[in-house]
């Protein structure tokens, strides 16, 4: 996926939207902050997620971090490869490292997400 077309949250999740389905993952910025990932917990298919609320977590040797949903809806797919191949988050955070797919329940929520330029500015401010 092209990172320039994605929508982002200030908590470092991204969403790629096609029709009424959002593919969700965590950004390369978040992966580098966490480093040395050891575990990922993803929700089951059918679970309802709410924008801004945790849907899972990633664990590194440093800490456990919640992963927040950028949109509300129902989980329709999860990346079954991810728990056994956490390196996908590092090597391909915007493609093979996706986490879940959600059927949107409120497409209007997308307007509250950041574009890549705004997200990069947010990350730069966080570094200082």
N, C-alpha and C. Protein backbone atom coordinates (compact mmCIF):
# COMPACT_ATOMS: atom_id res chain seq x y z
N UNK A 1 0.84 -1.18 0.00
CA UNK A 1 0.00 0.00 0.00
C UNK A 1 0.88 1.24 0.00
N UNK A 2 0.38 2.25 -0.60
CA UNK A 2 1.14 3.49 -0.71
C UNK A 2 0.91 4.33 0.55
N UNK A 3 1.94 4.52 1.38
CA UNK A 3 1.78 5.28 2.63
C UNK A 3 1.25 6.70 2.43
N UNK A 4 1.42 7.25 1.21
CA UNK A 4 0.92 8.61 0.98
C UNK A 4 -0.59 8.66 0.87
N UNK A 5 -1.24 7.53 0.64
CA UNK A 5 -2.70 7.51 0.48
C UNK A 5 -3.42 7.02 1.73
N UNK A 6 -2.68 6.63 2.74
CA UNK A 6 -3.29 6.08 3.95
C UNK A 6 -3.80 7.18 4.87
N UNK A 7 -4.67 6.79 5.78
CA UNK A 7 -5.15 7.67 6.86
C UNK A 7 -4.47 7.20 8.14
N UNK A 8 -4.10 8.14 9.00
CA UNK A 8 -3.33 7.83 10.20
C UNK A 8 -4.00 8.36 11.46
N UNK A 9 -3.63 7.74 12.60
CA UNK A 9 -4.05 8.25 13.90
C UNK A 9 -2.83 8.82 14.62
N UNK A 10 -3.06 9.63 15.62
CA UNK A 10 -1.95 10.17 16.41
C UNK A 10 -1.31 9.09 17.27
N UNK A 11 -1.97 7.93 17.40
CA UNK A 11 -1.42 6.82 18.17
C UNK A 11 -0.70 5.83 17.26
N UNK A 12 -0.45 6.22 16.00
CA UNK A 12 0.42 5.51 15.04
C UNK A 12 -0.20 4.30 14.35
N UNK A 13 -1.52 4.25 14.27
CA UNK A 13 -2.16 3.24 13.44
C UNK A 13 -2.46 3.85 12.07
N UNK A 14 -2.59 3.00 11.05
CA UNK A 14 -2.97 3.48 9.72
C UNK A 14 -4.18 2.69 9.22
N UNK A 15 -4.88 3.29 8.29
CA UNK A 15 -6.03 2.64 7.65
C UNK A 15 -5.97 2.89 6.15
N UNK A 16 -6.13 1.82 5.39
CA UNK A 16 -6.27 1.90 3.93
C UNK A 16 -7.71 1.52 3.63
N UNK A 17 -8.45 2.43 3.03
CA UNK A 17 -9.87 2.20 2.83
C UNK A 17 -10.18 1.92 1.36
N UNK A 18 -10.89 0.81 1.14
CA UNK A 18 -11.41 0.45 -0.18
C UNK A 18 -12.88 0.14 0.00
N UNK A 19 -13.73 0.99 -0.57
CA UNK A 19 -15.17 0.81 -0.40
C UNK A 19 -15.53 0.97 1.06
N UNK A 20 -16.15 -0.06 1.64
CA UNK A 20 -16.54 0.02 3.06
C UNK A 20 -15.65 -0.83 3.95
N UNK A 21 -14.44 -1.16 3.46
CA UNK A 21 -13.50 -1.98 4.24
C UNK A 21 -12.21 -1.21 4.47
N UNK A 22 -11.78 -1.20 5.72
CA UNK A 22 -10.49 -0.58 6.08
C UNK A 22 -9.52 -1.68 6.49
N UNK A 23 -8.35 -1.67 5.87
CA UNK A 23 -7.24 -2.52 6.30
C UNK A 23 -6.44 -1.68 7.29
N UNK A 24 -6.11 -2.27 8.45
CA UNK A 24 -5.51 -1.51 9.55
C UNK A 24 -4.18 -2.14 9.96
N UNK A 25 -3.23 -1.28 10.28
CA UNK A 25 -1.94 -1.74 10.78
C UNK A 25 -1.30 -0.65 11.62
N UNK A 26 -0.04 -0.86 12.00
CA UNK A 26 0.69 0.18 12.73
C UNK A 26 1.81 0.70 11.84
N UNK A 27 2.13 1.97 12.03
CA UNK A 27 3.10 2.62 11.15
C UNK A 27 4.53 2.18 11.43
N UNK A 28 5.40 2.45 10.48
CA UNK A 28 6.81 2.15 10.67
C UNK A 28 7.38 2.96 11.83
N UNK A 29 6.85 4.16 12.07
CA UNK A 29 7.29 4.97 13.21
C UNK A 29 7.03 4.22 14.51
N UNK A 30 5.84 3.64 14.65
CA UNK A 30 5.48 2.88 15.86
C UNK A 30 6.36 1.65 16.00
N UNK A 31 6.59 0.95 14.90
CA UNK A 31 7.41 -0.26 14.94
C UNK A 31 8.82 0.07 15.44
N UNK A 32 9.38 1.18 14.96
CA UNK A 32 10.73 1.57 15.38
C UNK A 32 10.76 2.00 16.85
N UNK A 33 9.68 2.63 17.31
CA UNK A 33 9.60 3.01 18.73
C UNK A 33 9.58 1.77 19.61
N UNK A 34 8.83 0.76 19.20
CA UNK A 34 8.68 -0.45 20.00
C UNK A 34 9.94 -1.32 19.95
N UNK A 35 10.46 -1.53 18.77
CA UNK A 35 11.62 -2.40 18.50
C UNK A 35 11.50 -3.77 19.17
N UNK A 36 12.19 -4.74 18.66
CA UNK A 36 12.25 -6.09 19.22
C UNK A 36 10.88 -6.64 19.62
N UNK A 37 9.98 -6.75 18.65
CA UNK A 37 8.63 -7.25 18.92
C UNK A 37 8.66 -8.75 19.23
N UNK A 38 7.86 -9.15 20.23
CA UNK A 38 7.83 -10.55 20.63
C UNK A 38 6.43 -11.17 20.58
N UNK A 39 5.36 -10.34 20.45
CA UNK A 39 4.02 -10.89 20.51
C UNK A 39 3.03 -9.89 19.92
N UNK A 40 2.01 -10.39 19.24
CA UNK A 40 0.91 -9.56 18.75
C UNK A 40 -0.40 -10.28 19.07
N UNK A 41 -1.34 -9.55 19.63
CA UNK A 41 -2.66 -10.09 19.96
C UNK A 41 -3.68 -9.40 19.05
N UNK A 42 -4.37 -10.19 18.22
CA UNK A 42 -5.35 -9.65 17.29
C UNK A 42 -6.74 -10.12 17.68
N UNK A 43 -7.76 -9.31 17.41
CA UNK A 43 -9.13 -9.70 17.78
C UNK A 43 -9.67 -10.78 16.85
N UNK A 44 -10.68 -11.53 17.31
CA UNK A 44 -11.29 -12.55 16.45
C UNK A 44 -12.18 -11.93 15.37
N UNK A 45 -12.37 -12.65 14.29
CA UNK A 45 -13.31 -12.22 13.25
C UNK A 45 -14.70 -12.13 13.89
N UNK A 46 -15.42 -11.08 13.54
CA UNK A 46 -16.75 -10.86 14.10
C UNK A 46 -16.76 -9.87 15.25
N UNK A 47 -15.60 -9.57 15.82
CA UNK A 47 -15.54 -8.63 16.94
C UNK A 47 -15.84 -7.22 16.45
N UNK A 48 -16.61 -6.48 17.23
CA UNK A 48 -16.89 -5.07 16.94
C UNK A 48 -15.76 -4.23 17.52
N UNK A 49 -15.26 -3.29 16.73
CA UNK A 49 -14.24 -2.36 17.21
C UNK A 49 -14.80 -0.95 17.13
N UNK A 50 -14.26 -0.08 17.99
CA UNK A 50 -14.73 1.30 18.08
C UNK A 50 -13.56 2.24 17.87
N UNK A 51 -13.78 3.27 17.07
CA UNK A 51 -12.73 4.24 16.81
C UNK A 51 -12.14 4.76 18.12
N UNK A 52 -10.81 4.74 18.20
CA UNK A 52 -10.11 5.27 19.37
C UNK A 52 -9.98 4.30 20.53
N UNK A 53 -10.57 3.11 20.39
CA UNK A 53 -10.51 2.11 21.46
C UNK A 53 -9.54 0.99 21.07
N UNK A 54 -8.88 0.36 22.07
CA UNK A 54 -7.95 -0.73 21.75
C UNK A 54 -8.66 -1.92 21.12
N UNK A 55 -8.01 -2.53 20.12
CA UNK A 55 -8.53 -3.77 19.54
C UNK A 55 -7.55 -4.91 19.73
N UNK A 56 -6.34 -4.61 20.14
CA UNK A 56 -5.32 -5.63 20.33
C UNK A 56 -4.10 -5.01 20.94
N UNK A 57 -3.00 -5.77 20.94
CA UNK A 57 -1.78 -5.22 21.50
C UNK A 57 -0.57 -5.85 20.82
N UNK A 58 0.52 -5.11 20.88
CA UNK A 58 1.82 -5.62 20.45
C UNK A 58 2.75 -5.50 21.64
N UNK A 59 3.58 -6.51 21.77
CA UNK A 59 4.49 -6.56 22.90
C UNK A 59 5.92 -6.60 22.38
N UNK A 60 6.75 -5.76 22.97
CA UNK A 60 8.17 -5.78 22.64
C UNK A 60 8.92 -6.18 23.90
N UNK A 61 10.23 -6.31 23.78
CA UNK A 61 11.00 -6.62 24.99
C UNK A 61 10.95 -5.46 25.97
N UNK A 62 10.56 -4.27 25.50
CA UNK A 62 10.49 -3.08 26.35
C UNK A 62 9.14 -2.90 27.03
N UNK A 63 8.04 -3.16 26.29
CA UNK A 63 6.72 -2.80 26.81
C UNK A 63 5.61 -3.50 26.04
N UNK A 64 4.42 -3.45 26.61
CA UNK A 64 3.21 -3.89 25.93
C UNK A 64 2.46 -2.63 25.53
N UNK A 65 2.06 -2.54 24.27
CA UNK A 65 1.35 -1.36 23.79
C UNK A 65 0.01 -1.75 23.17
N UNK A 66 -1.04 -1.03 23.57
CA UNK A 66 -2.34 -1.24 22.94
C UNK A 66 -2.29 -0.75 21.51
N UNK A 67 -3.09 -1.37 20.66
CA UNK A 67 -3.27 -0.91 19.29
C UNK A 67 -4.71 -0.43 19.20
N UNK A 68 -4.88 0.83 18.76
CA UNK A 68 -6.19 1.47 18.75
C UNK A 68 -6.80 1.45 17.36
N UNK A 69 -8.10 1.26 17.29
CA UNK A 69 -8.76 1.21 15.99
C UNK A 69 -8.97 2.63 15.45
N UNK A 70 -8.55 2.87 14.20
CA UNK A 70 -8.79 4.18 13.60
C UNK A 70 -10.24 4.37 13.16
N UNK A 71 -11.00 3.28 13.11
CA UNK A 71 -12.39 3.32 12.65
C UNK A 71 -13.25 2.37 13.49
N UNK A 72 -14.56 2.57 13.39
CA UNK A 72 -15.51 1.66 14.04
C UNK A 72 -16.07 0.69 13.00
N UNK A 73 -16.36 -0.52 13.46
CA UNK A 73 -16.95 -1.51 12.57
C UNK A 73 -16.74 -2.92 13.09
N UNK A 74 -16.84 -3.88 12.17
CA UNK A 74 -16.71 -5.29 12.53
C UNK A 74 -15.48 -5.89 11.85
N UNK A 75 -14.70 -6.65 12.61
CA UNK A 75 -13.52 -7.32 12.07
C UNK A 75 -13.98 -8.42 11.12
N UNK A 76 -13.52 -8.32 9.85
CA UNK A 76 -13.91 -9.32 8.87
C UNK A 76 -12.73 -10.21 8.44
N UNK A 77 -11.51 -9.80 8.83
CA UNK A 77 -10.32 -10.61 8.53
C UNK A 77 -9.21 -10.20 9.49
N UNK A 78 -8.31 -11.14 9.75
CA UNK A 78 -7.13 -10.85 10.55
C UNK A 78 -5.93 -11.50 9.87
N UNK A 79 -4.79 -10.90 10.03
CA UNK A 79 -3.58 -11.39 9.38
C UNK A 79 -3.07 -12.58 10.20
N UNK A 80 -3.45 -13.78 9.76
CA UNK A 80 -3.12 -14.99 10.51
C UNK A 80 -1.61 -15.28 10.52
N UNK A 81 -0.87 -14.71 9.56
CA UNK A 81 0.58 -14.91 9.53
C UNK A 81 1.30 -14.11 10.61
N UNK A 82 0.70 -13.00 11.02
CA UNK A 82 1.39 -12.05 11.87
C UNK A 82 1.89 -12.60 13.21
N UNK A 83 1.06 -13.30 14.00
CA UNK A 83 1.57 -13.77 15.29
C UNK A 83 2.84 -14.61 15.22
N UNK A 84 2.99 -15.38 14.15
CA UNK A 84 4.19 -16.21 14.00
C UNK A 84 5.29 -15.53 13.20
N UNK A 85 4.99 -14.38 12.60
CA UNK A 85 5.96 -13.68 11.75
C UNK A 85 5.94 -12.19 12.05
N UNK A 86 6.28 -11.83 13.28
CA UNK A 86 6.27 -10.43 13.69
C UNK A 86 7.24 -9.58 12.88
N UNK A 87 8.21 -10.23 12.24
CA UNK A 87 9.14 -9.50 11.38
C UNK A 87 8.41 -8.78 10.25
N UNK A 88 7.19 -9.21 9.89
CA UNK A 88 6.43 -8.53 8.86
C UNK A 88 6.10 -7.10 9.27
N UNK A 89 5.92 -6.86 10.56
CA UNK A 89 5.66 -5.50 11.03
C UNK A 89 6.87 -4.60 10.79
N UNK A 90 8.05 -5.16 10.91
CA UNK A 90 9.27 -4.40 10.70
C UNK A 90 9.61 -4.27 9.23
N UNK A 91 9.54 -5.38 8.50
CA UNK A 91 9.98 -5.39 7.10
C UNK A 91 8.94 -4.82 6.14
N UNK A 92 7.66 -4.89 6.50
CA UNK A 92 6.61 -4.47 5.58
C UNK A 92 5.38 -3.95 6.34
N UNK A 93 5.55 -2.88 7.14
CA UNK A 93 4.44 -2.43 7.99
C UNK A 93 3.21 -1.97 7.21
N UNK A 94 3.40 -1.54 5.94
CA UNK A 94 2.27 -1.03 5.17
C UNK A 94 1.73 -2.04 4.16
N UNK A 95 2.27 -3.24 4.13
CA UNK A 95 1.79 -4.26 3.20
C UNK A 95 1.56 -5.58 3.93
N UNK A 96 2.53 -6.45 3.94
CA UNK A 96 2.38 -7.77 4.56
C UNK A 96 2.15 -7.70 6.06
N UNK A 97 2.50 -6.58 6.68
CA UNK A 97 2.35 -6.42 8.13
C UNK A 97 1.01 -5.87 8.57
N UNK A 98 0.01 -5.88 7.69
CA UNK A 98 -1.32 -5.41 8.12
C UNK A 98 -1.83 -6.28 9.26
N UNK A 99 -2.75 -5.76 10.07
CA UNK A 99 -3.23 -6.49 11.24
C UNK A 99 -4.65 -7.04 11.06
N UNK A 100 -5.60 -6.14 10.78
CA UNK A 100 -7.00 -6.57 10.64
C UNK A 100 -7.67 -5.81 9.50
N UNK A 101 -8.81 -6.36 9.05
CA UNK A 101 -9.68 -5.67 8.10
C UNK A 101 -11.03 -5.49 8.78
N UNK A 102 -11.56 -4.28 8.66
CA UNK A 102 -12.80 -3.92 9.34
C UNK A 102 -13.82 -3.40 8.33
N UNK A 103 -15.06 -3.93 8.41
CA UNK A 103 -16.15 -3.37 7.61
C UNK A 103 -16.64 -2.14 8.38
N UNK A 104 -16.53 -0.97 7.74
CA UNK A 104 -16.86 0.29 8.39
C UNK A 104 -18.33 0.39 8.78
N UNK A 105 -18.57 0.91 9.98
CA UNK A 105 -19.95 1.18 10.38
C UNK A 105 -20.26 2.67 10.31
N UNK A 106 -19.21 3.51 10.17
CA UNK A 106 -19.40 4.96 10.09
C UNK A 106 -18.27 5.57 9.27
N UNK A 107 -18.46 5.66 7.97
CA UNK A 107 -17.43 6.19 7.08
C UNK A 107 -17.07 7.64 7.41
N UNK A 108 -17.97 8.35 8.08
CA UNK A 108 -17.71 9.74 8.46
C UNK A 108 -16.53 9.88 9.41
N UNK A 109 -16.20 8.81 10.12
CA UNK A 109 -15.06 8.86 11.05
C UNK A 109 -13.74 9.09 10.32
N UNK A 110 -13.67 8.74 9.06
CA UNK A 110 -12.43 8.87 8.31
C UNK A 110 -11.94 10.32 8.27
N UNK A 111 -12.88 11.26 8.34
CA UNK A 111 -12.50 12.68 8.26
C UNK A 111 -11.71 13.14 9.47
N UNK A 112 -11.75 12.38 10.56
CA UNK A 112 -11.00 12.76 11.77
C UNK A 112 -9.57 12.23 11.75
N UNK A 113 -9.22 11.43 10.73
CA UNK A 113 -7.87 10.86 10.65
C UNK A 113 -6.93 11.80 9.91
N UNK A 114 -5.64 11.60 10.10
CA UNK A 114 -4.61 12.45 9.51
C UNK A 114 -4.18 11.94 8.15
N UNK A 115 -3.81 12.86 7.25
CA UNK A 115 -3.16 12.44 6.01
C UNK A 115 -1.67 12.27 6.32
N UNK A 116 -0.91 11.79 5.35
CA UNK A 116 0.50 11.49 5.62
C UNK A 116 1.29 12.73 6.03
N UNK A 117 1.04 13.86 5.41
CA UNK A 117 1.77 15.09 5.74
C UNK A 117 1.52 15.49 7.19
N UNK A 118 0.27 15.47 7.61
CA UNK A 118 -0.07 15.82 9.00
C UNK A 118 0.50 14.80 9.97
N UNK A 119 0.47 13.53 9.59
CA UNK A 119 1.00 12.48 10.46
C UNK A 119 2.51 12.65 10.63
N UNK A 120 3.23 12.92 9.53
CA UNK A 120 4.68 13.12 9.63
C UNK A 120 5.00 14.30 10.54
N UNK A 121 4.24 15.38 10.43
CA UNK A 121 4.45 16.54 11.30
C UNK A 121 4.23 16.16 12.76
N UNK A 122 3.21 15.35 13.01
CA UNK A 122 2.93 14.87 14.37
C UNK A 122 4.11 14.04 14.90
N UNK A 123 4.64 13.14 14.08
CA UNK A 123 5.77 12.30 14.48
C UNK A 123 7.01 13.16 14.75
N UNK A 124 7.26 14.13 13.88
CA UNK A 124 8.42 15.02 14.08
C UNK A 124 8.30 15.77 15.40
N UNK A 125 7.10 16.22 15.73
CA UNK A 125 6.89 16.94 16.99
C UNK A 125 7.08 16.02 18.18
N UNK A 126 6.70 14.75 18.02
CA UNK A 126 6.85 13.77 19.11
C UNK A 126 8.31 13.45 19.40
N UNK A 127 9.16 13.55 18.38
CA UNK A 127 10.58 13.25 18.55
C UNK A 127 11.30 14.29 19.41
N UNK A 128 10.75 15.50 19.48
CA UNK A 128 11.44 16.59 20.18
C UNK A 128 10.96 16.77 21.60
